[in-house]
């Protein structure tokens, strides 16, 4: 079930990596950069845009989450 990207909570030792699919206004896009409150995404026709994480819908189980190494 799709959720807003802004609703995804990561643990302190996790980071969300770029390179995943999302949907914005019903259009499937590729997220190419993840920032604090926004993401850069690429439209199907190759245009890069910036969007607030509240507008991006994602499948949580498909997100590329990486654990940070400690120390």
N, C-alpha and C. Protein backbone atom coordinates (compact mmCIF):
# COMPACT_ATOMS: atom_id res chain seq x y z
N UNK A 1 0.83 -1.18 0.00
CA UNK A 1 0.00 0.00 0.00
C UNK A 1 0.88 1.26 0.00
N UNK A 2 0.62 2.16 -0.89
CA UNK A 2 1.43 3.37 -1.02
C UNK A 2 1.22 4.31 0.17
N UNK A 3 2.32 4.98 0.55
CA UNK A 3 2.29 5.95 1.63
C UNK A 3 3.03 7.20 1.17
N UNK A 4 2.74 8.30 1.81
CA UNK A 4 3.50 9.52 1.54
C UNK A 4 4.94 9.31 2.00
N UNK A 5 5.87 9.77 1.21
CA UNK A 5 7.27 9.64 1.59
C UNK A 5 7.54 10.37 2.90
N UNK A 6 6.86 11.45 3.16
CA UNK A 6 7.05 12.20 4.41
C UNK A 6 6.60 11.40 5.64
N UNK A 7 5.78 10.37 5.44
CA UNK A 7 5.30 9.55 6.56
C UNK A 7 6.23 8.38 6.88
N UNK A 8 7.23 8.14 6.05
CA UNK A 8 8.17 7.04 6.27
C UNK A 8 9.16 7.47 7.35
N UNK A 9 9.22 6.70 8.40
CA UNK A 9 10.12 7.00 9.52
C UNK A 9 11.29 6.03 9.48
N UNK A 10 12.49 6.59 9.51
CA UNK A 10 13.70 5.78 9.53
C UNK A 10 14.29 5.79 10.92
N UNK A 11 15.00 4.72 11.24
CA UNK A 11 15.71 4.69 12.50
C UNK A 11 16.92 5.61 12.42
N UNK A 12 17.49 5.92 13.56
CA UNK A 12 18.61 6.84 13.62
C UNK A 12 19.81 6.38 12.78
N UNK A 13 19.99 5.08 12.63
CA UNK A 13 21.14 4.56 11.90
C UNK A 13 20.80 4.21 10.43
N UNK A 14 19.67 4.66 9.92
CA UNK A 14 19.27 4.36 8.54
C UNK A 14 19.23 5.63 7.70
N UNK A 15 19.54 5.46 6.42
CA UNK A 15 19.42 6.55 5.46
C UNK A 15 18.69 6.03 4.22
N UNK A 16 17.94 6.92 3.62
CA UNK A 16 17.20 6.58 2.40
C UNK A 16 18.07 6.97 1.21
N UNK A 17 18.35 6.01 0.35
CA UNK A 17 19.17 6.27 -0.82
C UNK A 17 18.30 6.64 -2.02
N UNK A 18 18.90 7.36 -2.94
CA UNK A 18 18.20 7.74 -4.16
C UNK A 18 18.08 6.54 -5.10
N UNK A 19 17.31 6.74 -6.16
CA UNK A 19 17.17 5.69 -7.17
C UNK A 19 15.96 4.80 -6.93
N UNK A 20 14.84 5.37 -6.56
CA UNK A 20 13.63 4.57 -6.36
C UNK A 20 12.45 5.23 -7.05
N UNK A 21 11.44 4.43 -7.31
CA UNK A 21 10.25 4.93 -7.98
C UNK A 21 9.27 5.51 -6.97
N UNK A 22 8.58 6.53 -7.41
CA UNK A 22 7.53 7.16 -6.62
C UNK A 22 6.44 7.61 -7.59
N UNK A 23 5.34 8.04 -7.03
CA UNK A 23 4.24 8.56 -7.84
C UNK A 23 3.91 9.96 -7.35
N UNK A 24 3.74 10.88 -8.27
CA UNK A 24 3.34 12.24 -7.93
C UNK A 24 2.22 12.64 -8.89
N UNK A 25 1.11 13.02 -8.34
CA UNK A 25 -0.08 13.37 -9.14
C UNK A 25 -0.44 12.26 -10.13
N UNK A 26 -0.29 11.00 -9.70
CA UNK A 26 -0.66 9.87 -10.54
C UNK A 26 0.36 9.49 -11.59
N UNK A 27 1.51 10.19 -11.64
CA UNK A 27 2.54 9.91 -12.63
C UNK A 27 3.72 9.23 -11.94
N UNK A 28 4.20 8.14 -12.52
CA UNK A 28 5.35 7.43 -11.98
C UNK A 28 6.64 8.18 -12.33
N UNK A 29 7.47 8.42 -11.31
CA UNK A 29 8.71 9.16 -11.49
C UNK A 29 9.86 8.41 -10.81
N UNK A 30 11.10 8.80 -11.13
CA UNK A 30 12.29 8.23 -10.50
C UNK A 30 12.92 9.28 -9.60
N UNK A 31 13.07 8.96 -8.32
CA UNK A 31 13.70 9.88 -7.38
C UNK A 31 15.21 9.76 -7.52
N UNK A 32 15.87 10.89 -7.81
CA UNK A 32 17.31 10.88 -8.07
C UNK A 32 18.13 11.50 -6.95
N UNK A 33 17.48 12.19 -6.00
CA UNK A 33 18.18 12.76 -4.86
C UNK A 33 17.18 12.93 -3.71
N UNK A 34 17.64 12.61 -2.51
CA UNK A 34 16.80 12.73 -1.32
C UNK A 34 17.42 13.78 -0.41
N UNK A 35 16.65 14.82 -0.13
CA UNK A 35 17.10 15.89 0.75
C UNK A 35 16.30 15.83 2.05
N UNK A 36 16.44 16.81 2.90
CA UNK A 36 15.76 16.74 4.21
C UNK A 36 14.24 16.73 4.09
N UNK A 37 13.67 17.69 3.38
CA UNK A 37 12.22 17.78 3.25
C UNK A 37 11.73 17.61 1.82
N UNK A 38 12.66 17.56 0.90
CA UNK A 38 12.31 17.49 -0.52
C UNK A 38 13.09 16.39 -1.22
N UNK A 39 12.70 16.13 -2.47
CA UNK A 39 13.40 15.18 -3.32
C UNK A 39 13.49 15.75 -4.72
N UNK A 40 14.54 15.38 -5.42
CA UNK A 40 14.64 15.67 -6.84
C UNK A 40 14.15 14.41 -7.54
N UNK A 41 13.27 14.61 -8.52
CA UNK A 41 12.77 13.47 -9.27
C UNK A 41 12.84 13.76 -10.75
N UNK A 42 12.85 12.69 -11.54
CA UNK A 42 12.89 12.81 -12.99
C UNK A 42 11.58 12.29 -13.56
N UNK A 43 10.96 13.11 -14.39
CA UNK A 43 9.70 12.73 -15.03
C UNK A 43 9.96 11.73 -16.14
N UNK A 44 8.93 11.06 -16.62
CA UNK A 44 9.12 10.09 -17.71
C UNK A 44 9.77 10.69 -18.97
N UNK A 45 9.59 11.99 -19.18
CA UNK A 45 10.21 12.62 -20.35
C UNK A 45 11.58 13.22 -20.06
N UNK A 46 12.17 12.91 -18.88
CA UNK A 46 13.54 13.29 -18.57
C UNK A 46 13.74 14.64 -17.91
N UNK A 47 12.66 15.31 -17.52
CA UNK A 47 12.77 16.61 -16.86
C UNK A 47 12.97 16.39 -15.36
N UNK A 48 13.93 17.10 -14.79
CA UNK A 48 14.17 17.01 -13.34
C UNK A 48 13.40 18.11 -12.62
N UNK A 49 12.78 17.71 -11.51
CA UNK A 49 11.98 18.66 -10.73
C UNK A 49 12.20 18.40 -9.25
N UNK A 50 11.81 19.37 -8.45
CA UNK A 50 11.91 19.29 -6.99
C UNK A 50 10.51 19.19 -6.42
N UNK A 51 10.33 18.31 -5.44
CA UNK A 51 9.00 18.16 -4.81
C UNK A 51 9.16 17.92 -3.32
N UNK A 52 8.21 18.41 -2.57
CA UNK A 52 8.14 18.14 -1.15
C UNK A 52 7.83 16.66 -0.96
N UNK A 53 8.39 16.06 0.07
CA UNK A 53 8.17 14.63 0.32
C UNK A 53 6.70 14.30 0.58
N UNK A 54 5.91 15.28 0.99
CA UNK A 54 4.47 15.04 1.22
C UNK A 54 3.73 14.71 -0.07
N UNK A 55 4.26 15.14 -1.21
CA UNK A 55 3.59 14.94 -2.50
C UNK A 55 3.95 13.62 -3.17
N UNK A 56 5.01 12.97 -2.71
CA UNK A 56 5.49 11.74 -3.33
C UNK A 56 4.91 10.51 -2.62
N UNK A 57 4.28 9.65 -3.39
CA UNK A 57 3.73 8.41 -2.86
C UNK A 57 4.69 7.27 -3.21
N UNK A 58 4.98 6.42 -2.22
CA UNK A 58 5.94 5.33 -2.41
C UNK A 58 5.40 4.03 -1.81
N UNK A 59 5.99 2.92 -2.23
CA UNK A 59 5.74 1.62 -1.63
C UNK A 59 6.86 1.40 -0.60
N UNK A 60 6.58 1.51 0.69
CA UNK A 60 7.63 1.46 1.72
C UNK A 60 8.55 0.24 1.62
N UNK A 61 8.00 -0.91 1.29
CA UNK A 61 8.82 -2.12 1.24
C UNK A 61 9.80 -2.13 0.06
N UNK A 62 9.66 -1.22 -0.87
CA UNK A 62 10.55 -1.15 -2.04
C UNK A 62 11.61 -0.07 -1.92
N UNK A 63 11.64 0.65 -0.82
CA UNK A 63 12.59 1.75 -0.66
C UNK A 63 14.00 1.23 -0.38
N UNK A 64 15.01 1.85 -0.99
CA UNK A 64 16.41 1.45 -0.74
C UNK A 64 16.93 2.11 0.54
N UNK A 65 16.78 1.42 1.65
CA UNK A 65 17.21 1.94 2.94
C UNK A 65 18.52 1.26 3.31
N UNK A 66 19.50 2.08 3.70
CA UNK A 66 20.83 1.56 4.04
C UNK A 66 21.14 1.92 5.49
N UNK A 67 21.81 1.01 6.16
CA UNK A 67 22.26 1.27 7.54
C UNK A 67 23.60 2.00 7.49
N UNK A 68 23.71 3.03 8.31
CA UNK A 68 24.99 3.74 8.44
C UNK A 68 25.94 2.90 9.28
N UNK A 69 27.20 2.94 8.92
CA UNK A 69 28.18 2.24 9.75
C UNK A 69 28.55 3.15 10.92
N UNK A 70 28.63 2.59 12.08
CA UNK A 70 28.92 3.35 13.29
C UNK A 70 30.40 3.21 13.60
N UNK A 71 31.03 4.35 13.90
CA UNK A 71 32.43 4.33 14.29
C UNK A 71 33.27 4.68 13.18
